């Protein structure tokens, strides 16, 4: 599953720089996670880094985006191909 940030977010700014996929950004009222870019840090780390640094524990799994570890790994690999593609 992708992760999500709940309305308990205090906008402390610690999660955004920790995301290796750039999936976290400021929303209208608090930070949000783009589920198309979130891999739960699969491919980068053993645990989601945003969850590790969040002081209020407001980053649960997003039930709207059920994904297996294999799917998250494929998403990670696809995102890496986009990042490493040479520009022409």
PDB file of N, CA and C in Angstrom:
ATOM      1  N   UNK A   1       0.839  -1.184   0.000  1.00  0.00           N
ATOM      2  CA  UNK A   1       0.000   0.000   0.000  1.00  0.00           C
ATOM      3  C   UNK A   1       0.876   1.236   0.000  1.00  0.00           C
ATOM      4  N   UNK A   2       0.370   2.247  -0.611  1.00  0.00           N
ATOM      5  CA  UNK A   2       1.017   3.541  -0.469  1.00  0.00           C
ATOM      6  C   UNK A   2       0.687   4.042   0.933  1.00  0.00           C
ATOM      7  N   UNK A   3       1.385   5.054   1.345  1.00  0.00           N
ATOM      8  CA  UNK A   3       1.124   5.665   2.637  1.00  0.00           C
ATOM      9  C   UNK A   3       0.292   6.919   2.433  1.00  0.00           C
ATOM     10  N   UNK A   4      -0.277   7.406   3.523  1.00  0.00           N
ATOM     11  CA  UNK A   4      -1.044   8.648   3.475  1.00  0.00           C
ATOM     12  C   UNK A   4      -0.732   9.447   4.734  1.00  0.00           C
ATOM     13  N   UNK A   5      -0.959  10.747   4.678  1.00  0.00           N
ATOM     14  CA  UNK A   5      -0.775  11.595   5.844  1.00  0.00           C
ATOM     15  C   UNK A   5      -2.156  12.049   6.292  1.00  0.00           C
ATOM     16  N   UNK A   6      -2.444  11.844   7.564  1.00  0.00           N
ATOM     17  CA  UNK A   6      -3.761  12.186   8.092  1.00  0.00           C
ATOM     18  C   UNK A   6      -3.816  13.660   8.511  1.00  0.00           C
ATOM     19  N   UNK A   7      -5.019  14.103   8.846  1.00  0.00           N
ATOM     20  CA  UNK A   7      -5.192  15.498   9.255  1.00  0.00           C
ATOM     21  C   UNK A   7      -4.620  15.781  10.643  1.00  0.00           C
ATOM     22  N   UNK A   8      -3.997  14.788  11.249  1.00  0.00           N
ATOM     23  CA  UNK A   8      -3.280  15.004  12.506  1.00  0.00           C
ATOM     24  C   UNK A   8      -1.899  15.611  12.274  1.00  0.00           C
ATOM     25  N   UNK A   9      -1.506  15.757  11.013  1.00  0.00           N
ATOM     26  CA  UNK A   9      -0.211  16.329  10.633  1.00  0.00           C
ATOM     27  C   UNK A   9      -0.071  17.727  11.239  1.00  0.00           C
ATOM     28  N   UNK A  10       1.100  18.006  11.807  1.00  0.00           N
ATOM     29  CA  UNK A  10       1.362  19.317  12.406  1.00  0.00           C
ATOM     30  C   UNK A  10       2.263  20.179  11.527  1.00  0.00           C
ATOM     31  N   UNK A  11       2.475  19.747  10.270  1.00  0.00           N
ATOM     32  CA  UNK A  11       3.296  20.497   9.316  1.00  0.00           C
ATOM     33  C   UNK A  11       4.679  20.817   9.872  1.00  0.00           C
ATOM     34  N   UNK A  12       5.313  19.831  10.457  1.00  0.00           N
ATOM     35  CA  UNK A  12       6.628  20.033  11.060  1.00  0.00           C
ATOM     36  C   UNK A  12       7.755  20.027  10.027  1.00  0.00           C
ATOM     37  N   UNK A  13       7.452  19.636   8.800  1.00  0.00           N
ATOM     38  CA  UNK A  13       8.403  19.668   7.685  1.00  0.00           C
ATOM     39  C   UNK A  13       9.500  18.602   7.721  1.00  0.00           C
ATOM     40  N   UNK A  14       9.397  17.595   8.578  1.00  0.00           N
ATOM     41  CA  UNK A  14      10.476  16.603   8.631  1.00  0.00           C
ATOM     42  C   UNK A  14      10.308  15.467   7.634  1.00  0.00           C
ATOM     43  N   UNK A  15       9.090  15.179   7.203  1.00  0.00           N
ATOM     44  CA  UNK A  15       8.874  14.033   6.314  1.00  0.00           C
ATOM     45  C   UNK A  15       9.274  14.310   4.869  1.00  0.00           C
ATOM     46  N   UNK A  16       8.985  15.484   4.377  1.00  0.00           N
ATOM     47  CA  UNK A  16       9.205  15.788   2.952  1.00  0.00           C
ATOM     48  C   UNK A  16      10.635  15.510   2.491  1.00  0.00           C
ATOM     49  N   UNK A  17      11.658  16.012   3.181  1.00  0.00           N
ATOM     50  CA  UNK A  17      13.017  15.743   2.694  1.00  0.00           C
ATOM     51  C   UNK A  17      13.467  14.294   2.859  1.00  0.00           C
ATOM     52  N   UNK A  18      12.765  13.517   3.665  1.00  0.00           N
ATOM     53  CA  UNK A  18      13.142  12.119   3.885  1.00  0.00           C
ATOM     54  C   UNK A  18      12.668  11.190   2.772  1.00  0.00           C
ATOM     55  N   UNK A  19      11.712  11.624   1.957  1.00  0.00           N
ATOM     56  CA  UNK A  19      11.137  10.757   0.931  1.00  0.00           C
ATOM     57  C   UNK A  19      12.084  10.625  -0.256  1.00  0.00           C
ATOM     58  N   UNK A  20      12.611   9.428  -0.516  1.00  0.00           N
ATOM     59  CA  UNK A  20      13.546   9.253  -1.621  1.00  0.00           C
ATOM     60  C   UNK A  20      12.887   9.341  -2.994  1.00  0.00           C
ATOM     61  N   UNK A  21      11.570   9.259  -3.048  1.00  0.00           N
ATOM     62  CA  UNK A  21      10.859   9.323  -4.327  1.00  0.00           C
ATOM     63  C   UNK A  21      10.247  10.694  -4.602  1.00  0.00           C
ATOM     64  N   UNK A  22      10.351  11.613  -3.673  1.00  0.00           N
ATOM     65  CA  UNK A  22       9.742  12.928  -3.855  1.00  0.00           C
ATOM     66  C   UNK A  22       8.225  12.867  -3.859  1.00  0.00           C
ATOM     67  N   UNK A  23       7.661  11.895  -3.138  1.00  0.00           N
ATOM     68  CA  UNK A  23       6.206  11.695  -3.137  1.00  0.00           C
ATOM     69  C   UNK A  23       5.466  12.606  -2.169  1.00  0.00           C
ATOM     70  N   UNK A  24       6.179  13.281  -1.282  1.00  0.00           N
ATOM     71  CA  UNK A  24       5.539  14.108  -0.262  1.00  0.00           C
ATOM     72  C   UNK A  24       5.645  15.577  -0.636  1.00  0.00           C
ATOM     73  N   UNK A  25       4.521  16.270  -0.549  1.00  0.00           N
ATOM     74  CA  UNK A  25       4.499  17.709  -0.823  1.00  0.00           C
ATOM     75  C   UNK A  25       3.451  18.372   0.066  1.00  0.00           C
ATOM     76  N   UNK A  26       3.510  19.681   0.133  1.00  0.00           N
ATOM     77  CA  UNK A  26       2.540  20.416   0.932  1.00  0.00           C
ATOM     78  C   UNK A  26       1.221  20.451   0.188  1.00  0.00           C
ATOM     79  N   UNK A  27       0.154  20.061   0.869  1.00  0.00           N
ATOM     80  CA  UNK A  27      -1.189  20.128   0.310  1.00  0.00           C
ATOM     81  C   UNK A  27      -1.840  21.438   0.707  1.00  0.00           C
ATOM     82  N   UNK A  28      -3.156  21.498   0.632  1.00  0.00           N
ATOM     83  CA  UNK A  28      -3.872  22.719   0.988  1.00  0.00           C
ATOM     84  C   UNK A  28      -3.714  23.071   2.463  1.00  0.00           C
ATOM     85  N   UNK A  29      -3.789  22.053   3.328  1.00  0.00           N
ATOM     86  CA  UNK A  29      -3.726  22.312   4.763  1.00  0.00           C
ATOM     87  C   UNK A  29      -2.559  21.614   5.461  1.00  0.00           C
ATOM     88  N   UNK A  30      -2.160  20.465   4.934  1.00  0.00           N
ATOM     89  CA  UNK A  30      -1.057  19.713   5.519  1.00  0.00           C
ATOM     90  C   UNK A  30      -0.399  18.898   4.418  1.00  0.00           C
ATOM     91  N   UNK A  31       0.697  18.239   4.752  1.00  0.00           N
ATOM     92  CA  UNK A  31       1.433  17.464   3.759  1.00  0.00           C
ATOM     93  C   UNK A  31       0.597  16.312   3.220  1.00  0.00           C
ATOM     94  N   UNK A  32       0.868  15.957   1.974  1.00  0.00           N
ATOM     95  CA  UNK A  32       0.176  14.852   1.310  1.00  0.00           C
ATOM     96  C   UNK A  32       1.217  13.959   0.634  1.00  0.00           C
ATOM     97  N   UNK A  33       0.810  12.725   0.380  1.00  0.00           N
ATOM     98  CA  UNK A  33       1.672  11.764  -0.303  1.00  0.00           C
ATOM     99  C   UNK A  33       1.019  11.376  -1.620  1.00  0.00           C
ATOM    100  N   UNK A  34       1.770  11.485  -2.709  1.00  0.00           N
ATOM    101  CA  UNK A  34       1.293  11.060  -4.024  1.00  0.00           C
ATOM    102  C   UNK A  34       1.409   9.536  -4.088  1.00  0.00           C
ATOM    103  N   UNK A  35       0.291   8.818  -4.118  1.00  0.00           N
ATOM    104  CA  UNK A  35       0.362   7.353  -4.102  1.00  0.00           C
ATOM    105  C   UNK A  35       1.016   6.764  -5.350  1.00  0.00           C
ATOM    106  N   UNK A  36       1.079   7.540  -6.421  1.00  0.00           N
ATOM    107  CA  UNK A  36       1.734   7.058  -7.638  1.00  0.00           C
ATOM    108  C   UNK A  36       3.250   7.051  -7.490  1.00  0.00           C
ATOM    109  N   UNK A  37       3.766   7.808  -6.536  1.00  0.00           N
ATOM    110  CA  UNK A  37       5.205   7.876  -6.314  1.00  0.00           C
ATOM    111  C   UNK A  37       5.653   7.183  -5.031  1.00  0.00           C
ATOM    112  N   UNK A  38       4.726   6.880  -4.149  1.00  0.00           N
ATOM    113  CA  UNK A  38       5.081   6.259  -2.869  1.00  0.00           C
ATOM    114  C   UNK A  38       5.321   4.758  -3.044  1.00  0.00           C
ATOM    115  N   UNK A  39       6.488   4.317  -2.607  1.00  0.00           N
ATOM    116  CA  UNK A  39       6.813   2.889  -2.616  1.00  0.00           C
ATOM    117  C   UNK A  39       7.031   2.364  -1.204  1.00  0.00           C
ATOM    118  N   UNK A  40       6.625   3.144  -0.197  1.00  0.00           N
ATOM    119  CA  UNK A  40       6.900   2.798   1.203  1.00  0.00           C
ATOM    120  C   UNK A  40       8.390   2.612   1.415  1.00  0.00           C
ATOM    121  N   UNK A  41       9.183   3.283   0.603  1.00  0.00           N
ATOM    122  CA  UNK A  41      10.650   3.229   0.609  1.00  0.00           C
ATOM    123  C   UNK A  41      11.200   1.880   0.155  1.00  0.00           C
ATOM    124  N   UNK A  42      10.344   0.982  -0.355  1.00  0.00           N
ATOM    125  CA  UNK A  42      10.823  -0.281  -0.923  1.00  0.00           C
ATOM    126  C   UNK A  42      11.808   0.070  -2.039  1.00  0.00           C
ATOM    127  N   UNK A  43      12.948  -0.581  -2.029  1.00  0.00           N
ATOM    128  CA  UNK A  43      13.990  -0.312  -2.996  1.00  0.00           C
ATOM    129  C   UNK A  43      15.037   0.657  -2.471  1.00  0.00           C
ATOM    130  N   UNK A  44      14.668   1.439  -1.480  1.00  0.00           N
ATOM    131  CA  UNK A  44      15.598   2.402  -0.887  1.00  0.00           C
ATOM    132  C   UNK A  44      15.991   2.011   0.534  1.00  0.00           C
ATOM    133  N   UNK A  45      14.997   1.718   1.373  1.00  0.00           N
ATOM    134  CA  UNK A  45      15.204   1.451   2.790  1.00  0.00           C
ATOM    135  C   UNK A  45      14.334   0.278   3.245  1.00  0.00           C
ATOM    136  N   UNK A  46      14.625  -0.240   4.408  1.00  0.00           N
ATOM    137  CA  UNK A  46      13.853  -1.349   4.969  1.00  0.00           C
ATOM    138  C   UNK A  46      12.509  -0.892   5.534  1.00  0.00           C
ATOM    139  N   UNK A  47      12.419   0.372   5.932  1.00  0.00           N
ATOM    140  CA  UNK A  47      11.191   0.911   6.516  1.00  0.00           C
ATOM    141  C   UNK A  47      10.899   2.277   5.917  1.00  0.00           C
ATOM    142  N   UNK A  48       9.638   2.669   5.851  1.00  0.00           N
ATOM    143  CA  UNK A  48       9.299   3.999   5.338  1.00  0.00           C
ATOM    144  C   UNK A  48       9.946   5.088   6.195  1.00  0.00           C
ATOM    145  N   UNK A  49      10.741   5.905   5.562  1.00  0.00           N
ATOM    146  CA  UNK A  49      11.473   6.931   6.285  1.00  0.00           C
ATOM    147  C   UNK A  49      10.575   8.015   6.861  1.00  0.00           C
ATOM    148  N   UNK A  50       9.503   8.342   6.169  1.00  0.00           N
ATOM    149  CA  UNK A  50       8.597   9.372   6.683  1.00  0.00           C
ATOM    150  C   UNK A  50       7.963   8.924   8.000  1.00  0.00           C
ATOM    151  N   UNK A  51       7.605   7.652   8.085  1.00  0.00           N
ATOM    152  CA  UNK A  51       7.039   7.128   9.331  1.00  0.00           C
ATOM    153  C   UNK A  51       8.068   7.164  10.453  1.00  0.00           C
ATOM    154  N   UNK A  52       9.315   6.940  10.118  1.00  0.00           N
ATOM    155  CA  UNK A  52      10.367   6.912  11.129  1.00  0.00           C
ATOM    156  C   UNK A  52      10.604   8.282  11.759  1.00  0.00           C
ATOM    157  N   UNK A  53      10.440   9.345  10.985  1.00  0.00           N
ATOM    158  CA  UNK A  53      10.737  10.685  11.506  1.00  0.00           C
ATOM    159  C   UNK A  53       9.512  11.444  11.985  1.00  0.00           C
ATOM    160  N   UNK A  54       8.318  10.973  11.677  1.00  0.00           N
ATOM    161  CA  UNK A  54       7.092  11.697  12.039  1.00  0.00           C
ATOM    162  C   UNK A  54       6.902  11.726  13.560  1.00  0.00           C
ATOM    163  N   UNK A  55       6.862  12.923  14.158  1.00  0.00           N
ATOM    164  CA  UNK A  55       6.728  13.005  15.615  1.00  0.00           C
ATOM    165  C   UNK A  55       5.321  12.728  16.143  1.00  0.00           C
ATOM    166  N   UNK A  56       4.311  12.732  15.269  1.00  0.00           N
ATOM    167  CA  UNK A  56       2.937  12.500  15.731  1.00  0.00           C
ATOM    168  C   UNK A  56       2.326  11.224  15.173  1.00  0.00           C
ATOM    169  N   UNK A  57       3.123  10.419  14.484  1.00  0.00           N
ATOM    170  CA  UNK A  57       2.666   9.134  13.942  1.00  0.00           C
ATOM    171  C   UNK A  57       1.371   9.265  13.149  1.00  0.00           C
ATOM    172  N   UNK A  58       1.375  10.173  12.177  1.00  0.00           N
ATOM    173  CA  UNK A  58       0.162  10.408  11.380  1.00  0.00           C
ATOM    174  C   UNK A  58       0.310   9.917   9.944  1.00  0.00           C
ATOM    175  N   UNK A  59       1.154   8.885   9.725  1.00  0.00           N
ATOM    176  CA  UNK A  59       1.385   8.383   8.371  1.00  0.00           C
ATOM    177  C   UNK A  59       1.097   6.883   8.320  1.00  0.00           C
ATOM    178  N   UNK A  60      -0.178   6.518   8.216  1.00  0.00           N
ATOM    179  CA  UNK A  60      -0.536   5.098   8.114  1.00  0.00           C
ATOM    180  C   UNK A  60      -0.561   4.625   6.656  1.00  0.00           C
ATOM    181  N   UNK A  61      -0.814   3.344   6.472  1.00  0.00           N
ATOM    182  CA  UNK A  61      -1.051   2.801   5.136  1.00  0.00           C
ATOM    183  C   UNK A  61      -2.343   3.388   4.593  1.00  0.00           C
ATOM    184  N   UNK A  62      -2.382   3.637   3.307  1.00  0.00           N
ATOM    185  CA  UNK A  62      -3.571   4.184   2.659  1.00  0.00           C
ATOM    186  C   UNK A  62      -4.429   3.017   2.157  1.00  0.00           C
ATOM    187  N   UNK A  63      -5.578   2.774   2.784  1.00  0.00           N
ATOM    188  CA  UNK A  63      -6.407   1.631   2.380  1.00  0.00           C
ATOM    189  C   UNK A  63      -6.953   1.751   0.964  1.00  0.00           C
ATOM    190  N   UNK A  64      -6.915   2.933   0.390  1.00  0.00           N
ATOM    191  CA  UNK A  64      -7.382   3.128  -0.984  1.00  0.00           C
ATOM    192  C   UNK A  64      -6.355   2.651  -2.014  1.00  0.00           C
ATOM    193  N   UNK A  65      -5.123   2.341  -1.566  1.00  0.00           N
ATOM    194  CA  UNK A  65      -4.059   1.923  -2.470  1.00  0.00           C
ATOM    195  C   UNK A  65      -3.427   0.613  -2.012  1.00  0.00           C
ATOM    196  N   UNK A  66      -4.159  -0.495  -2.041  1.00  0.00           N
ATOM    197  CA  UNK A  66      -3.565  -1.769  -1.630  1.00  0.00           C
ATOM    198  C   UNK A  66      -2.526  -2.241  -2.655  1.00  0.00           C
ATOM    199  N   UNK A  67      -1.302  -2.438  -2.197  1.00  0.00           N
ATOM    200  CA  UNK A  67      -0.220  -2.868  -3.080  1.00  0.00           C
ATOM    201  C   UNK A  67       0.643  -3.884  -2.343  1.00  0.00           C
ATOM    202  N   UNK A  68       1.059  -4.909  -3.048  1.00  0.00           N
ATOM    203  CA  UNK A  68       1.956  -5.900  -2.459  1.00  0.00           C
ATOM    204  C   UNK A  68       3.388  -5.366  -2.498  1.00  0.00           C
ATOM    205  N   UNK A  69       4.257  -6.009  -1.759  1.00  0.00           N
ATOM    206  CA  UNK A  69       5.673  -5.623  -1.789  1.00  0.00           C
ATOM    207  C   UNK A  69       6.223  -5.752  -3.210  1.00  0.00           C
ATOM    208  N   UNK A  70       5.795  -6.769  -3.936  1.00  0.00           N
ATOM    209  CA  UNK A  70       6.260  -6.956  -5.311  1.00  0.00           C
ATOM    210  C   UNK A  70       5.813  -5.793  -6.197  1.00  0.00           C
ATOM    211  N   UNK A  71       4.580  -5.352  -6.009  1.00  0.00           N
ATOM    212  CA  UNK A  71       4.085  -4.214  -6.785  1.00  0.00           C
ATOM    213  C   UNK A  71       4.867  -2.950  -6.433  1.00  0.00           C
ATOM    214  N   UNK A  72       5.138  -2.755  -5.152  1.00  0.00           N
ATOM    215  CA  UNK A  72       5.912  -1.583  -4.728  1.00  0.00           C
ATOM    216  C   UNK A  72       7.311  -1.624  -5.328  1.00  0.00           C
ATOM    217  N   UNK A  73       7.912  -2.807  -5.413  1.00  0.00           N
ATOM    218  CA  UNK A  73       9.238  -2.935  -6.013  1.00  0.00           C
ATOM    219  C   UNK A  73       9.191  -2.614  -7.504  1.00  0.00           C
ATOM    220  N   UNK A  74       8.163  -3.074  -8.193  1.00  0.00           N
ATOM    221  CA  UNK A  74       8.018  -2.740  -9.620  1.00  0.00           C
ATOM    222  C   UNK A  74       7.819  -1.233  -9.807  1.00  0.00           C
ATOM    223  N   UNK A  75       7.048  -0.615  -8.909  1.00  0.00           N
ATOM    224  CA  UNK A  75       6.845   0.832  -8.987  1.00  0.00           C
ATOM    225  C   UNK A  75       8.175   1.556  -8.759  1.00  0.00           C
ATOM    226  N   UNK A  76       8.940   1.103  -7.771  1.00  0.00           N
ATOM    227  CA  UNK A  76      10.264   1.665  -7.504  1.00  0.00           C
ATOM    228  C   UNK A  76      11.146   1.573  -8.750  1.00  0.00           C
ATOM    229  N   UNK A  77      11.173   0.393  -9.376  1.00  0.00           N
ATOM    230  CA  UNK A  77      12.003   0.195 -10.567  1.00  0.00           C
ATOM    231  C   UNK A  77      11.560   1.120 -11.700  1.00  0.00           C
ATOM    232  N   UNK A  78      10.266   1.288 -11.889  1.00  0.00           N
ATOM    233  CA  UNK A  78       9.754   2.188 -12.926  1.00  0.00           C
ATOM    234  C   UNK A  78      10.142   3.632 -12.619  1.00  0.00           C
ATOM    235  N   UNK A  79      10.026   4.038 -11.370  1.00  0.00           N
ATOM    236  CA  UNK A  79      10.418   5.401 -10.994  1.00  0.00           C
ATOM    237  C   UNK A  79      11.908   5.613 -11.205  1.00  0.00           C
ATOM    238  N   UNK A  80      12.715   4.604 -10.932  1.00  0.00           N
ATOM    239  CA  UNK A  80      14.158   4.718 -11.136  1.00  0.00           C
ATOM    240  C   UNK A  80      14.501   4.869 -12.620  1.00  0.00           C
ATOM    241  N   UNK A  81      13.771   4.169 -13.473  1.00  0.00           N
ATOM    242  CA  UNK A  81      14.013   4.308 -14.920  1.00  0.00           C
ATOM    243  C   UNK A  81      13.712   5.731 -15.363  1.00  0.00           C
ATOM    244  N   UNK A  82      12.666   6.336 -14.818  1.00  0.00           N
ATOM    245  CA  UNK A  82      12.324   7.711 -15.177  1.00  0.00           C
ATOM    246  C   UNK A  82      13.408   8.667 -14.690  1.00  0.00           C
ATOM    247  N   UNK A  83      13.900   8.466 -13.480  1.00  0.00           N
ATOM    248  CA  UNK A  83      14.920   9.350 -12.897  1.00  0.00           C
ATOM    249  C   UNK A  83      16.242   9.218 -13.608  1.00  0.00           C
ATOM    250  N   UNK A  84      16.621   8.011 -13.994  1.00  0.00           N
ATOM    251  CA  UNK A  84      17.948   7.785 -14.586  1.00  0.00           C
ATOM    252  C   UNK A  84      17.968   7.869 -16.100  1.00  0.00           C
ATOM    253  N   UNK A  85      16.822   8.118 -16.723  1.00  0.00           N
ATOM    254  CA  UNK A  85      16.788   8.221 -18.176  1.00  0.00           C
ATOM    255  C   UNK A  85      17.597   9.446 -18.604  1.00  0.00           C
ATOM    256  N   UNK A  86      18.572   9.262 -19.520  1.00  0.00           N
ATOM    257  CA  UNK A  86      19.357  10.402 -19.969  1.00  0.00           C
ATOM    258  C   UNK A  86      18.500  11.388 -20.761  1.00  0.00           C
ATOM    259  N   UNK A  87      18.750  12.652 -20.539  1.00  0.00           N
ATOM    260  CA  UNK A  87      17.991  13.671 -21.278  1.00  0.00           C
ATOM    261  C   UNK A  87      18.586  13.825 -22.667  1.00  0.00           C
ATOM    262  N   UNK A  88      17.724  14.143 -23.638  1.00  0.00           N
ATOM    263  CA  UNK A  88      18.216  14.279 -25.013  1.00  0.00           C
ATOM    264  C   UNK A  88      18.208  15.708 -25.455  1.00  0.00           C
TER     265      UNK A  88
END
